[in-house]
Amino acid sequence: MPKILIVDDDRTTTKLLQTLLELDGFEVSMLSRGEKALEMAQEIKPDVFLVDYHLSDMEGIDLVAALRGSPLFATTPIVMASGLNVEESALGAGANVFLFKPFEPGKLADLFNELIG
């Protein structure tokens, strides 16, 4: 079962995504803080990350850069999402894909499966 770590401080959105992705066969972990995500990622070793641009304790691009700096996650797929036009910053920090919010949750499973290969 592929593992996804969602890092987003919008609990309503993350609960919906968790439910939908679990129905599609993913094991989903969720956090709202970037610092905790770095710790948890070491523990659960997700197959893909979904990171929001604005987190409660840091910017998502800083989390992406920190993940890319870790040998463990240098090549792990990262999807960043935001309602702002920050695609260039997200991709520059190391995200594989940028999604504008709101996005269609139903298409995430296909995207994650594609990224995981």
N, C-alpha and C. Protein backbone atom coordinates (compact mmCIF):
# COMPACT_ATOMS: atom_id res chain seq x y z
N MET A 1 0.84 -1.18 0.00
CA MET A 1 0.00 0.00 0.00
C MET A 1 0.89 1.24 0.00
N PRO A 2 0.81 2.09 -1.03
CA PRO A 2 1.65 3.30 -1.07
C PRO A 2 1.32 4.27 0.07
N LYS A 3 2.36 4.89 0.61
CA LYS A 3 2.19 5.81 1.73
C LYS A 3 2.31 7.25 1.27
N ILE A 4 1.36 8.07 1.74
CA ILE A 4 1.33 9.49 1.42
C ILE A 4 1.40 10.27 2.72
N LEU A 5 2.22 11.32 2.73
CA LEU A 5 2.24 12.25 3.85
C LEU A 5 1.69 13.58 3.35
N ILE A 6 0.54 13.99 3.91
CA ILE A 6 -0.07 15.27 3.57
C ILE A 6 0.31 16.27 4.66
N VAL A 7 0.89 17.40 4.24
CA VAL A 7 1.26 18.44 5.19
C VAL A 7 0.48 19.70 4.80
N ASP A 8 -0.57 19.97 5.56
CA ASP A 8 -1.49 21.08 5.26
C ASP A 8 -2.21 21.43 6.55
N ASP A 9 -2.36 22.72 6.84
CA ASP A 9 -3.02 23.11 8.09
C ASP A 9 -4.52 23.31 7.94
N ASP A 10 -5.09 22.99 6.80
CA ASP A 10 -6.54 23.05 6.59
C ASP A 10 -7.12 21.66 6.89
N ARG A 11 -7.62 21.48 8.11
CA ARG A 11 -8.07 20.16 8.55
C ARG A 11 -9.25 19.62 7.73
N THR A 12 -10.14 20.50 7.30
CA THR A 12 -11.28 20.06 6.51
C THR A 12 -10.81 19.43 5.21
N THR A 13 -9.92 20.11 4.53
CA THR A 13 -9.39 19.61 3.26
C THR A 13 -8.63 18.30 3.46
N THR A 14 -7.79 18.26 4.47
CA THR A 14 -6.96 17.08 4.65
C THR A 14 -7.80 15.85 5.03
N LYS A 15 -8.84 16.05 5.82
CA LYS A 15 -9.71 14.91 6.18
C LYS A 15 -10.41 14.36 4.94
N LEU A 16 -10.88 15.26 4.08
CA LEU A 16 -11.52 14.83 2.84
C LEU A 16 -10.53 14.07 1.96
N LEU A 17 -9.34 14.63 1.80
CA LEU A 17 -8.31 13.97 0.99
C LEU A 17 -7.94 12.61 1.58
N GLN A 18 -7.82 12.55 2.90
CA GLN A 18 -7.47 11.28 3.53
C GLN A 18 -8.52 10.22 3.21
N THR A 19 -9.78 10.57 3.36
CA THR A 19 -10.86 9.61 3.09
C THR A 19 -10.83 9.14 1.65
N LEU A 20 -10.72 10.08 0.71
CA LEU A 20 -10.72 9.71 -0.71
C LEU A 20 -9.50 8.87 -1.08
N LEU A 21 -8.34 9.25 -0.60
CA LEU A 21 -7.12 8.52 -0.94
C LEU A 21 -7.09 7.14 -0.30
N GLU A 22 -7.62 7.01 0.90
CA GLU A 22 -7.68 5.69 1.53
C GLU A 22 -8.62 4.77 0.75
N LEU A 23 -9.70 5.33 0.22
CA LEU A 23 -10.60 4.55 -0.62
C LEU A 23 -9.91 4.08 -1.89
N ASP A 24 -8.91 4.86 -2.33
CA ASP A 24 -8.15 4.50 -3.54
C ASP A 24 -6.94 3.61 -3.21
N GLY A 25 -6.82 3.17 -1.96
CA GLY A 25 -5.79 2.20 -1.62
C GLY A 25 -4.50 2.77 -1.08
N PHE A 26 -4.49 4.02 -0.64
CA PHE A 26 -3.28 4.62 -0.08
C PHE A 26 -3.34 4.61 1.44
N GLU A 27 -2.18 4.55 2.06
CA GLU A 27 -2.05 4.75 3.50
C GLU A 27 -1.70 6.22 3.70
N VAL A 28 -2.54 6.97 4.40
CA VAL A 28 -2.39 8.42 4.49
C VAL A 28 -2.06 8.85 5.91
N SER A 29 -1.02 9.68 6.04
CA SER A 29 -0.68 10.34 7.30
C SER A 29 -0.82 11.84 7.06
N MET A 30 -1.24 12.56 8.09
CA MET A 30 -1.46 14.00 7.93
C MET A 30 -0.82 14.77 9.07
N LEU A 31 -0.27 15.92 8.72
CA LEU A 31 0.29 16.84 9.71
C LEU A 31 0.02 18.27 9.26
N SER A 32 0.01 19.18 10.23
CA SER A 32 -0.20 20.59 9.88
C SER A 32 1.08 21.41 10.01
N ARG A 33 2.12 20.84 10.58
CA ARG A 33 3.36 21.58 10.83
C ARG A 33 4.54 20.97 10.08
N GLY A 34 5.33 21.81 9.46
CA GLY A 34 6.47 21.36 8.68
C GLY A 34 7.54 20.68 9.50
N GLU A 35 7.84 21.22 10.68
CA GLU A 35 8.87 20.61 11.53
C GLU A 35 8.50 19.18 11.91
N LYS A 36 7.24 18.97 12.25
CA LYS A 36 6.77 17.63 12.60
C LYS A 36 6.82 16.72 11.37
N ALA A 37 6.56 17.29 10.20
CA ALA A 37 6.59 16.50 8.96
C ALA A 37 7.98 15.95 8.70
N LEU A 38 8.99 16.74 8.96
CA LEU A 38 10.37 16.27 8.78
C LEU A 38 10.66 15.09 9.69
N GLU A 39 10.19 15.16 10.92
CA GLU A 39 10.39 14.07 11.87
C GLU A 39 9.61 12.83 11.44
N MET A 40 8.31 13.01 11.13
CA MET A 40 7.47 11.88 10.78
C MET A 40 7.93 11.22 9.49
N ALA A 41 8.40 12.00 8.55
CA ALA A 41 8.86 11.45 7.28
C ALA A 41 9.99 10.46 7.50
N GLN A 42 10.89 10.77 8.41
CA GLN A 42 12.00 9.86 8.73
C GLN A 42 11.46 8.53 9.26
N GLU A 43 10.36 8.61 9.98
CA GLU A 43 9.77 7.43 10.61
C GLU A 43 8.97 6.57 9.63
N ILE A 44 8.07 7.22 8.85
CA ILE A 44 7.16 6.43 8.00
C ILE A 44 7.66 6.24 6.57
N LYS A 45 8.62 7.06 6.15
CA LYS A 45 9.19 6.97 4.80
C LYS A 45 8.10 6.90 3.72
N PRO A 46 7.38 8.02 3.54
CA PRO A 46 6.29 8.04 2.55
C PRO A 46 6.80 7.87 1.12
N ASP A 47 5.92 7.38 0.27
CA ASP A 47 6.23 7.21 -1.15
C ASP A 47 6.02 8.51 -1.92
N VAL A 48 5.21 9.42 -1.35
CA VAL A 48 4.93 10.70 -1.98
C VAL A 48 4.46 11.68 -0.91
N PHE A 49 4.77 12.96 -1.13
CA PHE A 49 4.35 14.03 -0.23
C PHE A 49 3.36 14.94 -0.95
N LEU A 50 2.37 15.46 -0.21
CA LEU A 50 1.52 16.55 -0.67
C LEU A 50 1.69 17.67 0.34
N VAL A 51 2.26 18.79 -0.10
CA VAL A 51 2.62 19.88 0.80
C VAL A 51 1.90 21.16 0.38
N ASP A 52 1.26 21.81 1.35
CA ASP A 52 0.63 23.11 1.11
C ASP A 52 1.70 24.19 1.16
N TYR A 53 1.47 25.27 0.43
CA TYR A 53 2.45 26.36 0.40
C TYR A 53 2.55 27.07 1.75
N HIS A 54 1.40 27.31 2.38
CA HIS A 54 1.38 28.00 3.68
C HIS A 54 1.11 27.00 4.79
N LEU A 55 2.07 26.84 5.68
CA LEU A 55 1.91 25.98 6.84
C LEU A 55 1.91 26.86 8.09
N SER A 56 1.50 26.30 9.20
CA SER A 56 1.40 27.11 10.42
C SER A 56 2.75 27.52 10.99
N ASP A 57 3.81 26.76 10.67
CA ASP A 57 5.11 27.07 11.26
C ASP A 57 6.21 27.40 10.26
N MET A 58 5.93 27.25 8.97
CA MET A 58 6.94 27.55 7.95
C MET A 58 6.27 27.61 6.58
N GLU A 59 6.99 28.05 5.60
CA GLU A 59 6.48 28.01 4.23
C GLU A 59 6.72 26.61 3.67
N GLY A 60 5.79 26.16 2.86
CA GLY A 60 5.91 24.83 2.26
C GLY A 60 7.17 24.67 1.42
N ILE A 61 7.61 25.75 0.76
CA ILE A 61 8.82 25.62 -0.06
C ILE A 61 10.05 25.35 0.81
N ASP A 62 10.03 25.85 2.04
CA ASP A 62 11.14 25.55 2.96
C ASP A 62 11.13 24.08 3.34
N LEU A 63 9.94 23.53 3.52
CA LEU A 63 9.83 22.09 3.82
C LEU A 63 10.30 21.27 2.62
N VAL A 64 9.89 21.66 1.43
CA VAL A 64 10.31 20.95 0.21
C VAL A 64 11.84 20.98 0.10
N ALA A 65 12.43 22.15 0.31
CA ALA A 65 13.89 22.27 0.23
C ALA A 65 14.57 21.39 1.28
N ALA A 66 14.01 21.35 2.49
CA ALA A 66 14.59 20.51 3.54
C ALA A 66 14.48 19.03 3.17
N LEU A 67 13.35 18.63 2.61
CA LEU A 67 13.20 17.23 2.19
C LEU A 67 14.20 16.89 1.09
N ARG A 68 14.36 17.78 0.14
CA ARG A 68 15.31 17.54 -0.96
C ARG A 68 16.75 17.49 -0.46
N GLY A 69 17.02 18.17 0.65
CA GLY A 69 18.36 18.15 1.22
C GLY A 69 18.68 16.88 1.98
N SER A 70 17.66 16.07 2.24
CA SER A 70 17.86 14.81 2.95
C SER A 70 18.09 13.69 1.93
N PRO A 71 19.18 12.93 2.08
CA PRO A 71 19.43 11.82 1.14
C PRO A 71 18.25 10.84 1.06
N LEU A 72 17.52 10.71 2.15
CA LEU A 72 16.39 9.79 2.19
C LEU A 72 15.24 10.22 1.27
N PHE A 73 15.09 11.53 1.06
CA PHE A 73 13.96 12.04 0.28
C PHE A 73 14.37 12.85 -0.95
N ALA A 74 15.63 12.74 -1.34
CA ALA A 74 16.13 13.52 -2.48
C ALA A 74 15.35 13.24 -3.76
N THR A 75 14.81 12.03 -3.90
CA THR A 75 14.10 11.69 -5.13
C THR A 75 12.63 11.31 -4.89
N THR A 76 12.16 11.41 -3.65
CA THR A 76 10.76 11.10 -3.35
C THR A 76 9.86 12.15 -4.00
N PRO A 77 8.82 11.74 -4.72
CA PRO A 77 7.93 12.72 -5.37
C PRO A 77 7.26 13.65 -4.35
N ILE A 78 7.25 14.93 -4.69
CA ILE A 78 6.60 15.95 -3.86
C ILE A 78 5.65 16.76 -4.73
N VAL A 79 4.41 16.85 -4.27
CA VAL A 79 3.40 17.68 -4.93
C VAL A 79 3.14 18.85 -3.99
N MET A 80 3.24 20.08 -4.51
CA MET A 80 2.93 21.26 -3.71
C MET A 80 1.64 21.86 -4.24
N ALA A 81 0.82 22.37 -3.32
CA ALA A 81 -0.46 22.97 -3.69
C ALA A 81 -0.63 24.33 -3.04
N SER A 82 -1.29 25.24 -3.77
CA SER A 82 -1.58 26.57 -3.23
C SER A 82 -2.63 27.25 -4.11
N GLY A 83 -3.33 28.18 -3.50
CA GLY A 83 -4.24 29.02 -4.25
C GLY A 83 -3.51 30.19 -4.88
N LEU A 84 -2.26 30.39 -4.50
CA LEU A 84 -1.44 31.47 -5.04
C LEU A 84 -0.64 30.96 -6.24
N ASN A 85 -0.25 31.88 -7.09
CA ASN A 85 0.57 31.51 -8.25
C ASN A 85 2.04 31.46 -7.83
N VAL A 86 2.41 30.36 -7.20
CA VAL A 86 3.78 30.18 -6.71
C VAL A 86 4.42 28.94 -7.34
N GLU A 87 3.94 28.60 -8.52
CA GLU A 87 4.44 27.40 -9.19
C GLU A 87 5.94 27.45 -9.40
N GLU A 88 6.45 28.58 -9.86
CA GLU A 88 7.89 28.69 -10.13
C GLU A 88 8.72 28.48 -8.86
N SER A 89 8.27 29.07 -7.75
CA SER A 89 8.97 28.89 -6.48
C SER A 89 8.91 27.44 -6.02
N ALA A 90 7.74 26.81 -6.16
CA ALA A 90 7.55 25.43 -5.73
C ALA A 90 8.46 24.49 -6.51
N LEU A 91 8.46 24.64 -7.82
CA LEU A 91 9.29 23.77 -8.66
C LEU A 91 10.77 24.07 -8.43
N GLY A 92 11.09 25.34 -8.22
CA GLY A 92 12.47 25.73 -7.95
C GLY A 92 13.00 25.15 -6.65
N ALA A 93 12.10 24.97 -5.67
CA ALA A 93 12.50 24.40 -4.38
C ALA A 93 12.66 22.88 -4.45
N GLY A 94 12.12 22.27 -5.52
CA GLY A 94 12.29 20.83 -5.68
C GLY A 94 11.01 20.03 -5.82
N ALA A 95 9.84 20.69 -5.81
CA ALA A 95 8.59 19.96 -6.00
C ALA A 95 8.55 19.39 -7.42
N ASN A 96 7.97 18.20 -7.56
CA ASN A 96 7.83 17.59 -8.88
C ASN A 96 6.66 18.17 -9.65
N VAL A 97 5.59 18.50 -8.90
CA VAL A 97 4.35 18.97 -9.51
C VAL A 97 3.77 20.07 -8.63
N PHE A 98 3.15 21.07 -9.26
CA PHE A 98 2.44 22.11 -8.54
C PHE A 98 0.97 22.04 -8.93
N LEU A 99 0.08 22.09 -7.93
CA LEU A 99 -1.36 22.11 -8.17
C LEU A 99 -1.96 23.40 -7.64
N PHE A 100 -2.78 24.05 -8.46
CA PHE A 100 -3.52 25.21 -7.99
C PHE A 100 -4.72 24.74 -7.19
N LYS A 101 -4.95 25.36 -6.04
CA LYS A 101 -6.15 25.09 -5.25
C LYS A 101 -7.25 26.02 -5.73
N PRO A 102 -8.48 25.57 -5.76
CA PRO A 102 -8.91 24.22 -5.44
C PRO A 102 -8.62 23.28 -6.60
N PHE A 103 -8.25 22.05 -6.29
CA PHE A 103 -8.01 21.05 -7.31
C PHE A 103 -9.02 19.92 -7.12
N GLU A 104 -9.13 19.08 -8.11
CA GLU A 104 -10.07 17.97 -8.03
C GLU A 104 -9.44 16.82 -7.24
N PRO A 105 -9.95 16.56 -6.04
CA PRO A 105 -9.35 15.50 -5.22
C PRO A 105 -9.36 14.15 -5.92
N GLY A 106 -10.35 13.90 -6.74
CA GLY A 106 -10.46 12.61 -7.41
C GLY A 106 -9.31 12.31 -8.35
N LYS A 107 -8.62 13.33 -8.82
CA LYS A 107 -7.50 13.12 -9.74
C LYS A 107 -6.17 12.89 -9.03
N LEU A 108 -6.15 13.09 -7.71
CA LEU A 108 -4.90 12.93 -6.97
C LEU A 108 -4.37 11.51 -6.99
N ALA A 109 -5.25 10.54 -6.85
CA ALA A 109 -4.79 9.15 -6.83
C ALA A 109 -4.06 8.80 -8.11
N ASP A 110 -4.60 9.23 -9.26
CA ASP A 110 -3.94 8.97 -10.53
C ASP A 110 -2.58 9.66 -10.59
N LEU A 111 -2.52 10.90 -10.13
CA LEU A 111 -1.27 11.66 -10.14
C LEU A 111 -0.24 10.96 -9.24
N PHE A 112 -0.65 10.58 -8.03
CA PHE A 112 0.28 9.93 -7.10
C PHE A 112 0.77 8.60 -7.66
N ASN A 113 -0.12 7.82 -8.22
CA ASN A 113 0.28 6.53 -8.82
C ASN A 113 1.27 6.76 -9.95
N GLU A 114 1.05 7.79 -10.75
CA GLU A 114 1.96 8.13 -11.85
C GLU A 114 3.33 8.51 -11.32
N LEU A 115 3.36 9.33 -10.27
CA LEU A 115 4.63 9.79 -9.70
C LEU A 115 5.40 8.66 -9.02
N ILE A 116 4.68 7.78 -8.36
CA ILE A 116 5.32 6.67 -7.67
C ILE A 116 5.85 5.64 -8.67
N GLY A 117 5.14 5.53 -9.79
CA GLY A 117 5.58 4.64 -10.86
C GLY A 117 5.19 3.23 -10.60
